[in-house]
């Protein structure tokens, strides 16, 4: 079996790699209508159906799954644009809070995630997170959903903190520079082509995680695993 060589730093994606939101679909656009209706009712905004429809369209326009983009946009800018026509004085931060409250997000940390992180930490490897934050979600809110994982990271970098979404390599470059480890000594672990391509764009190795045991995807990854524990077999512990 091929092995990972000269690796000092493991960089993990979060959603679909170390955790997921229970019963959530990959595309969040289907939740927008009910979320804005919830905001309307809870905050007593008396928005018209047209205003809600316009809000959904604006949010969809910002969603990179609908309109691909790498540059990240601050949630307050996104929601500021959405509520411009609402005629409300309610702070945009409150609108954001109630919007995501409606989704009732329930984070689930995969059973293998913490044992893997513990083993890598014990073996002396550096560990970082490089995660794309959901459209419109504040970084602190995102971090709160993954609190059990945070103690294992030497560095947490998100699309909001670095300013760019994967496959742009900015986040990986920031991690490399801040931890003082060259890309040649890093490996990126994730579940999508964006993770693999981000690794390619900076020149580090990549591991594609295929938790759903779907037909093997050849995205140019160096290794493929079904769960994070299989990563341990790729290194000399």
C-alpha atoms as a PDB file:
ATOM      1  CA  UNK A   1       0.000   0.000   0.000  1.00  0.00           C
ATOM      2  CA  UNK A   2       1.256   3.466  -0.884  1.00  0.00           C
ATOM      3  CA  UNK A   3       2.110   5.633   2.110  1.00  0.00           C
ATOM      4  CA  UNK A   4       2.097   9.321   2.910  1.00  0.00           C
ATOM      5  CA  UNK A   5       5.702  10.511   3.000  1.00  0.00           C
ATOM      6  CA  UNK A   6       7.250  13.487   4.795  1.00  0.00           C
ATOM      7  CA  UNK A   7       3.932  14.779   6.105  1.00  0.00           C
ATOM      8  CA  UNK A   8       4.049  17.096   9.106  1.00  0.00           C
ATOM      9  CA  UNK A   9       0.635  18.757   8.821  1.00  0.00           C
ATOM     10  CA  UNK A  10      -2.860  17.362   8.255  1.00  0.00           C
ATOM     11  CA  UNK A  11      -5.446  19.895   7.054  1.00  0.00           C
ATOM     12  CA  UNK A  12      -9.070  18.823   7.403  1.00  0.00           C
ATOM     13  CA  UNK A  13     -12.209  20.107   5.749  1.00  0.00           C
ATOM     14  CA  UNK A  14     -15.116  19.997   8.207  1.00  0.00           C
ATOM     15  CA  UNK A  15     -18.560  19.412   6.623  1.00  0.00           C
ATOM     16  CA  UNK A  16     -18.763  15.937   5.094  1.00  0.00           C
ATOM     17  CA  UNK A  17     -15.277  15.148   6.364  1.00  0.00           C
ATOM     18  CA  UNK A  18     -15.341  15.379  10.169  1.00  0.00           C
ATOM     19  CA  UNK A  19     -19.015  16.257  10.728  1.00  0.00           C
ATOM     20  CA  UNK A  20     -22.367  16.951   9.125  1.00  0.00           C
ATOM     21  CA  UNK A  21     -25.689  18.599   9.939  1.00  0.00           C
ATOM     22  CA  UNK A  22     -28.316  15.963  10.635  1.00  0.00           C
ATOM     23  CA  UNK A  23     -30.820  15.443   7.802  1.00  0.00           C
ATOM     24  CA  UNK A  24     -29.548  18.446   5.823  1.00  0.00           C
ATOM     25  CA  UNK A  25     -29.382  18.368   2.039  1.00  0.00           C
ATOM     26  CA  UNK A  26     -26.202  19.426   0.266  1.00  0.00           C
ATOM     27  CA  UNK A  27     -27.937  22.435  -1.246  1.00  0.00           C
ATOM     28  CA  UNK A  28     -29.394  24.838   1.277  1.00  0.00           C
ATOM     29  CA  UNK A  29     -31.453  26.836  -1.222  1.00  0.00           C
ATOM     30  CA  UNK A  30     -34.514  24.685  -0.525  1.00  0.00           C
ATOM     31  CA  UNK A  31     -34.577  25.982   3.051  1.00  0.00           C
ATOM     32  CA  UNK A  32     -34.581  29.666   2.187  1.00  0.00           C
ATOM     33  CA  UNK A  33     -38.352  30.132   1.819  1.00  0.00           C
ATOM     34  CA  UNK A  34     -39.265  28.571   5.166  1.00  0.00           C
ATOM     35  CA  UNK A  35     -36.380  30.419   6.845  1.00  0.00           C
ATOM     36  CA  UNK A  36     -37.508  33.834   5.628  1.00  0.00           C
ATOM     37  CA  UNK A  37     -41.103  33.033   6.540  1.00  0.00           C
ATOM     38  CA  UNK A  38     -39.890  32.132  10.038  1.00  0.00           C
ATOM     39  CA  UNK A  39     -37.982  35.428  10.291  1.00  0.00           C
ATOM     40  CA  UNK A  40     -41.062  37.293   9.098  1.00  0.00           C
ATOM     41  CA  UNK A  41     -43.327  35.686  11.697  1.00  0.00           C
ATOM     42  CA  UNK A  42     -40.962  35.709  14.678  1.00  0.00           C
ATOM     43  CA  UNK A  43     -39.888  39.335  14.218  1.00  0.00           C
ATOM     44  CA  UNK A  44     -43.331  40.600  13.180  1.00  0.00           C
ATOM     45  CA  UNK A  45     -42.034  42.157   9.965  1.00  0.00           C
ATOM     46  CA  UNK A  46     -45.245  41.839   7.912  1.00  0.00           C
ATOM     47  CA  UNK A  47     -43.296  41.142   4.725  1.00  0.00           C
ATOM     48  CA  UNK A  48     -45.296  40.549   1.576  1.00  0.00           C
ATOM     49  CA  UNK A  49     -44.993  37.379  -0.473  1.00  0.00           C
ATOM     50  CA  UNK A  50     -43.131  39.417  -3.077  1.00  0.00           C
ATOM     51  CA  UNK A  51     -40.635  40.697  -0.516  1.00  0.00           C
ATOM     52  CA  UNK A  52     -39.959  37.151   0.644  1.00  0.00           C
ATOM     53  CA  UNK A  53     -39.585  35.989  -2.961  1.00  0.00           C
ATOM     54  CA  UNK A  54     -37.150  38.848  -3.635  1.00  0.00           C
ATOM     55  CA  UNK A  55     -35.175  37.928  -0.514  1.00  0.00           C
ATOM     56  CA  UNK A  56     -34.900  34.323  -1.645  1.00  0.00           C
ATOM     57  CA  UNK A  57     -33.656  35.426  -5.060  1.00  0.00           C
ATOM     58  CA  UNK A  58     -31.008  37.727  -3.596  1.00  0.00           C
ATOM     59  CA  UNK A  59     -29.771  34.987  -1.274  1.00  0.00           C
ATOM     60  CA  UNK A  60     -29.651  32.502  -4.171  1.00  0.00           C
ATOM     61  CA  UNK A  61     -27.634  35.017  -6.185  1.00  0.00           C
ATOM     62  CA  UNK A  62     -25.028  35.055  -3.397  1.00  0.00           C
ATOM     63  CA  UNK A  63     -24.947  31.255  -3.066  1.00  0.00           C
ATOM     64  CA  UNK A  64     -21.781  29.948  -4.802  1.00  0.00           C
ATOM     65  CA  UNK A  65     -23.593  26.713  -5.658  1.00  0.00           C
ATOM     66  CA  UNK A  66     -25.881  28.844  -7.839  1.00  0.00           C
ATOM     67  CA  UNK A  67     -23.397  31.526  -8.931  1.00  0.00           C
ATOM     68  CA  UNK A  68     -19.882  30.103  -8.541  1.00  0.00           C
ATOM     69  CA  UNK A  69     -17.374  32.369  -6.827  1.00  0.00           C
ATOM     70  CA  UNK A  70     -14.214  31.967  -4.788  1.00  0.00           C
ATOM     71  CA  UNK A  71     -14.133  35.342  -3.044  1.00  0.00           C
ATOM     72  CA  UNK A  72     -15.965  35.185   0.265  1.00  0.00           C
ATOM     73  CA  UNK A  73     -18.602  37.763   1.218  1.00  0.00           C
ATOM     74  CA  UNK A  74     -19.322  38.865   4.783  1.00  0.00           C
ATOM     75  CA  UNK A  75     -22.737  37.698   6.089  1.00  0.00           C
ATOM     76  CA  UNK A  76     -23.686  41.237   7.120  1.00  0.00           C
ATOM     77  CA  UNK A  77     -23.173  42.408   3.537  1.00  0.00           C
ATOM     78  CA  UNK A  78     -25.340  39.576   2.202  1.00  0.00           C
ATOM     79  CA  UNK A  79     -28.165  40.083   4.667  1.00  0.00           C
ATOM     80  CA  UNK A  80     -27.804  43.859   4.446  1.00  0.00           C
ATOM     81  CA  UNK A  81     -28.586  43.563   0.757  1.00  0.00           C
ATOM     82  CA  UNK A  82     -31.501  41.228   1.459  1.00  0.00           C
ATOM     83  CA  UNK A  83     -33.225  43.445   4.039  1.00  0.00           C
ATOM     84  CA  UNK A  84     -32.653  46.746   2.221  1.00  0.00           C
ATOM     85  CA  UNK A  85     -36.210  46.694   0.916  1.00  0.00           C
ATOM     86  CA  UNK A  86     -37.826  45.500   4.143  1.00  0.00           C
ATOM     87  CA  UNK A  87     -38.144  48.884   5.830  1.00  0.00           C
ATOM     88  CA  UNK A  88     -37.014  47.488   9.182  1.00  0.00           C
ATOM     89  CA  UNK A  89     -34.747  48.943  11.860  1.00  0.00           C
ATOM     90  CA  UNK A  90     -34.005  45.534  13.370  1.00  0.00           C
ATOM     91  CA  UNK A  91     -30.216  45.009  13.393  1.00  0.00           C
ATOM     92  CA  UNK A  92     -28.926  42.790  10.608  1.00  0.00           C
ATOM     93  CA  UNK A  93     -27.171  40.602  13.200  1.00  0.00           C
ATOM     94  CA  UNK A  94     -30.572  39.760  14.718  1.00  0.00           C
ATOM     95  CA  UNK A  95     -31.980  38.907  11.283  1.00  0.00           C
ATOM     96  CA  UNK A  96     -29.050  36.537  10.702  1.00  0.00           C
ATOM     97  CA  UNK A  97     -29.492  34.926  14.119  1.00  0.00           C
ATOM     98  CA  UNK A  98     -33.188  34.240  13.594  1.00  0.00           C
ATOM     99  CA  UNK A  99     -32.679  33.039  10.003  1.00  0.00           C
ATOM    100  CA  UNK A 100     -30.273  30.297  11.093  1.00  0.00           C
ATOM    101  CA  UNK A 101     -32.310  29.565  14.220  1.00  0.00           C
ATOM    102  CA  UNK A 102     -35.093  28.498  11.861  1.00  0.00           C
ATOM    103  CA  UNK A 103     -32.920  25.812  10.293  1.00  0.00           C
ATOM    104  CA  UNK A 104     -32.571  24.000  13.638  1.00  0.00           C
ATOM    105  CA  UNK A 105     -29.106  22.821  12.647  1.00  0.00           C
ATOM    106  CA  UNK A 106     -28.018  19.745  14.580  1.00  0.00           C
ATOM    107  CA  UNK A 107     -24.300  19.033  14.173  1.00  0.00           C
ATOM    108  CA  UNK A 108     -23.166  15.417  14.221  1.00  0.00           C
ATOM    109  CA  UNK A 109     -19.471  14.649  14.709  1.00  0.00           C
ATOM    110  CA  UNK A 110     -18.613  11.390  12.950  1.00  0.00           C
ATOM    111  CA  UNK A 111     -17.615   8.582  15.315  1.00  0.00           C
ATOM    112  CA  UNK A 112     -14.179   8.205  13.745  1.00  0.00           C
ATOM    113  CA  UNK A 113     -13.267  11.905  13.724  1.00  0.00           C
ATOM    114  CA  UNK A 114     -12.066  12.507  17.286  1.00  0.00           C
ATOM    115  CA  UNK A 115     -10.205   9.172  17.602  1.00  0.00           C
ATOM    116  CA  UNK A 116      -8.331  10.028  14.390  1.00  0.00           C
ATOM    117  CA  UNK A 117      -7.481  13.540  15.549  1.00  0.00           C
ATOM    118  CA  UNK A 118      -6.348  12.203  18.919  1.00  0.00           C
ATOM    119  CA  UNK A 119      -4.063   9.634  17.256  1.00  0.00           C
ATOM    120  CA  UNK A 120      -2.507  12.223  14.942  1.00  0.00           C
ATOM    121  CA  UNK A 121      -2.006  14.671  17.808  1.00  0.00           C
ATOM    122  CA  UNK A 122      -0.426  11.983  19.992  1.00  0.00           C
ATOM    123  CA  UNK A 123       1.925  11.074  17.128  1.00  0.00           C
ATOM    124  CA  UNK A 124       3.169  14.664  17.001  1.00  0.00           C
ATOM    125  CA  UNK A 125       1.562  15.865  13.770  1.00  0.00           C
ATOM    126  CA  UNK A 126       0.222  19.384  13.364  1.00  0.00           C
ATOM    127  CA  UNK A 127      -3.503  19.578  12.567  1.00  0.00           C
ATOM    128  CA  UNK A 128      -5.462  22.425  10.973  1.00  0.00           C
ATOM    129  CA  UNK A 129      -8.979  23.032   9.710  1.00  0.00           C
ATOM    130  CA  UNK A 130      -9.733  24.672   6.362  1.00  0.00           C
ATOM    131  CA  UNK A 131     -13.476  25.039   5.956  1.00  0.00           C
ATOM    132  CA  UNK A 132     -15.867  26.883   3.662  1.00  0.00           C
ATOM    133  CA  UNK A 133     -18.619  28.518   5.729  1.00  0.00           C
ATOM    134  CA  UNK A 134     -22.239  28.255   4.557  1.00  0.00           C
ATOM    135  CA  UNK A 135     -23.495  31.327   2.703  1.00  0.00           C
ATOM    136  CA  UNK A 136     -24.526  34.048   5.131  1.00  0.00           C
ATOM    137  CA  UNK A 137     -23.421  32.192   8.272  1.00  0.00           C
ATOM    138  CA  UNK A 138     -21.121  34.110  10.652  1.00  0.00           C
ATOM    139  CA  UNK A 139     -17.799  32.447  11.394  1.00  0.00           C
ATOM    140  CA  UNK A 140     -18.397  32.349  15.153  1.00  0.00           C
ATOM    141  CA  UNK A 141     -21.712  30.567  14.617  1.00  0.00           C
ATOM    142  CA  UNK A 142     -19.975  28.038  12.375  1.00  0.00           C
ATOM    143  CA  UNK A 143     -17.275  27.435  14.999  1.00  0.00           C
ATOM    144  CA  UNK A 144     -19.903  26.925  17.699  1.00  0.00           C
ATOM    145  CA  UNK A 145     -21.334  24.012  15.728  1.00  0.00           C
ATOM    146  CA  UNK A 146     -17.954  22.237  15.717  1.00  0.00           C
ATOM    147  CA  UNK A 147     -16.843  23.049  19.271  1.00  0.00           C
ATOM    148  CA  UNK A 148     -15.845  19.423  20.143  1.00  0.00           C
ATOM    149  CA  UNK A 149     -13.306  19.448  17.298  1.00  0.00           C
ATOM    150  CA  UNK A 150     -11.624  22.787  17.995  1.00  0.00           C
ATOM    151  CA  UNK A 151      -9.216  21.629  20.760  1.00  0.00           C
ATOM    152  CA  UNK A 152      -7.483  19.332  18.265  1.00  0.00           C
ATOM    153  CA  UNK A 153      -6.627  22.057  15.756  1.00  0.00           C
ATOM    154  CA  UNK A 154      -3.372  23.974  15.906  1.00  0.00           C
ATOM    155  CA  UNK A 155      -5.051  26.434  13.559  1.00  0.00           C
ATOM    156  CA  UNK A 156      -8.598  27.030  12.336  1.00  0.00           C
ATOM    157  CA  UNK A 157      -9.008  28.838   9.012  1.00  0.00           C
ATOM    158  CA  UNK A 158     -12.312  29.460   7.268  1.00  0.00           C
ATOM    159  CA  UNK A 159     -13.353  31.026   3.997  1.00  0.00           C
ATOM    160  CA  UNK A 160     -14.436  34.047   6.034  1.00  0.00           C
ATOM    161  CA  UNK A 161     -11.148  34.415   7.907  1.00  0.00           C
ATOM    162  CA  UNK A 162      -8.977  34.018   4.786  1.00  0.00           C
ATOM    163  CA  UNK A 163     -11.376  35.736   2.367  1.00  0.00           C
ATOM    164  CA  UNK A 164     -11.632  32.950  -0.218  1.00  0.00           C
ATOM    165  CA  UNK A 165     -13.441  29.682  -0.758  1.00  0.00           C
ATOM    166  CA  UNK A 166     -11.799  26.512  -2.018  1.00  0.00           C
ATOM    167  CA  UNK A 167     -10.438  25.636  -4.553  1.00  0.00           C
ATOM    168  CA  UNK A 168      -8.649  28.964  -4.107  1.00  0.00           C
ATOM    169  CA  UNK A 169      -5.473  28.028  -2.188  1.00  0.00           C
ATOM    170  CA  UNK A 170      -5.451  31.178   0.002  1.00  0.00           C
ATOM    171  CA  UNK A 171      -6.597  29.313   3.112  1.00  0.00           C
ATOM    172  CA  UNK A 172      -4.000  26.571   2.685  1.00  0.00           C
ATOM    173  CA  UNK A 173      -1.342  29.198   2.018  1.00  0.00           C
ATOM    174  CA  UNK A 174      -2.275  30.997   5.243  1.00  0.00           C
ATOM    175  CA  UNK A 175      -2.026  27.721   7.161  1.00  0.00           C
ATOM    176  CA  UNK A 176       1.349  26.915   5.602  1.00  0.00           C
ATOM    177  CA  UNK A 177       2.747  30.338   6.467  1.00  0.00           C
ATOM    178  CA  UNK A 178       1.316  30.586   9.976  1.00  0.00           C
ATOM    179  CA  UNK A 179       2.459  27.119  11.019  1.00  0.00           C
ATOM    180  CA  UNK A 180       5.746  27.367   9.133  1.00  0.00           C
ATOM    181  CA  UNK A 181       5.249  24.132   7.196  1.00  0.00           C
ATOM    182  CA  UNK A 182       5.865  23.933   3.452  1.00  0.00           C
ATOM    183  CA  UNK A 183       3.109  22.619   1.140  1.00  0.00           C
ATOM    184  CA  UNK A 184       5.315  19.597   0.352  1.00  0.00           C
ATOM    185  CA  UNK A 185       4.871  18.537   3.970  1.00  0.00           C
ATOM    186  CA  UNK A 186       1.086  19.040   4.070  1.00  0.00           C
ATOM    187  CA  UNK A 187      -1.906  16.920   3.116  1.00  0.00           C
ATOM    188  CA  UNK A 188      -5.476  18.173   2.583  1.00  0.00           C
ATOM    189  CA  UNK A 189      -8.344  15.853   3.557  1.00  0.00           C
ATOM    190  CA  UNK A 190     -11.819  16.589   2.215  1.00  0.00           C
ATOM    191  CA  UNK A 191     -14.899  15.157   0.533  1.00  0.00           C
ATOM    192  CA  UNK A 192     -15.231  17.266  -2.633  1.00  0.00           C
ATOM    193  CA  UNK A 193     -13.399  18.241  -5.788  1.00  0.00           C
ATOM    194  CA  UNK A 194     -12.876  21.685  -4.244  1.00  0.00           C
ATOM    195  CA  UNK A 195     -10.702  20.170  -1.519  1.00  0.00           C
ATOM    196  CA  UNK A 196      -8.664  18.159  -4.000  1.00  0.00           C
ATOM    197  CA  UNK A 197      -8.218  21.117  -6.326  1.00  0.00           C
ATOM    198  CA  UNK A 198      -7.228  23.437  -3.473  1.00  0.00           C
ATOM    199  CA  UNK A 199      -4.466  20.951  -2.629  1.00  0.00           C
ATOM    200  CA  UNK A 200      -3.373  20.838  -6.258  1.00  0.00           C
ATOM    201  CA  UNK A 201      -3.358  24.629  -6.444  1.00  0.00           C
ATOM    202  CA  UNK A 202      -0.837  24.923  -3.639  1.00  0.00           C
ATOM    203  CA  UNK A 203       1.146  21.766  -4.370  1.00  0.00           C
ATOM    204  CA  UNK A 204       0.297  19.572  -1.398  1.00  0.00           C
ATOM    205  CA  UNK A 205      -1.018  16.009  -1.325  1.00  0.00           C
ATOM    206  CA  UNK A 206      -4.736  15.244  -1.046  1.00  0.00           C
ATOM    207  CA  UNK A 207      -6.956  12.587   0.471  1.00  0.00           C
ATOM    208  CA  UNK A 208     -10.556  12.266  -0.726  1.00  0.00           C
ATOM    209  CA  UNK A 209     -12.934  10.889   1.883  1.00  0.00           C
ATOM    210  CA  UNK A 210     -15.813   8.848   0.470  1.00  0.00           C
ATOM    211  CA  UNK A 211     -18.104   8.200   3.421  1.00  0.00           C
ATOM    212  CA  UNK A 212     -21.111   7.169   1.358  1.00  0.00           C
ATOM    213  CA  UNK A 213     -19.153   4.365  -0.329  1.00  0.00           C
ATOM    214  CA  UNK A 214     -20.288   5.650  -3.718  1.00  0.00           C
ATOM    215  CA  UNK A 215     -18.499   4.614  -6.922  1.00  0.00           C
ATOM    216  CA  UNK A 216     -14.869   5.686  -6.776  1.00  0.00           C
ATOM    217  CA  UNK A 217     -14.360   9.264  -7.915  1.00  0.00           C
ATOM    218  CA  UNK A 218     -11.158  10.098  -9.714  1.00  0.00           C
ATOM    219  CA  UNK A 219     -10.638  13.777  -9.030  1.00  0.00           C
ATOM    220  CA  UNK A 220      -6.876  13.666  -9.101  1.00  0.00           C
ATOM    221  CA  UNK A 221      -6.579  12.861  -5.398  1.00  0.00           C
ATOM    222  CA  UNK A 222      -3.498  11.040  -4.137  1.00  0.00           C
ATOM    223  CA  UNK A 223      -5.461   8.750  -1.799  1.00  0.00           C
ATOM    224  CA  UNK A 224      -9.073   7.752  -1.172  1.00  0.00           C
ATOM    225  CA  UNK A 225     -10.475   6.582   2.193  1.00  0.00           C
ATOM    226  CA  UNK A 226     -13.929   5.681   3.503  1.00  0.00           C
ATOM    227  CA  UNK A 227     -13.396   7.254   6.923  1.00  0.00           C
ATOM    228  CA  UNK A 228     -10.675   9.189   8.696  1.00  0.00           C
ATOM    229  CA  UNK A 229      -9.361   6.184  10.632  1.00  0.00           C
ATOM    230  CA  UNK A 230      -8.130   4.753   7.338  1.00  0.00           C
ATOM    231  CA  UNK A 231      -5.744   7.720   7.133  1.00  0.00           C
ATOM    232  CA  UNK A 232      -3.782   6.239  10.028  1.00  0.00           C
ATOM    233  CA  UNK A 233      -2.874   3.232   7.857  1.00  0.00           C
ATOM    234  CA  UNK A 234      -1.233   5.622   5.367  1.00  0.00           C
ATOM    235  CA  UNK A 235       1.352   6.846   7.857  1.00  0.00           C
ATOM    236  CA  UNK A 236       3.949   5.267  10.078  1.00  0.00           C
ATOM    237  CA  UNK A 237       2.700   5.620  13.672  1.00  0.00           C
END
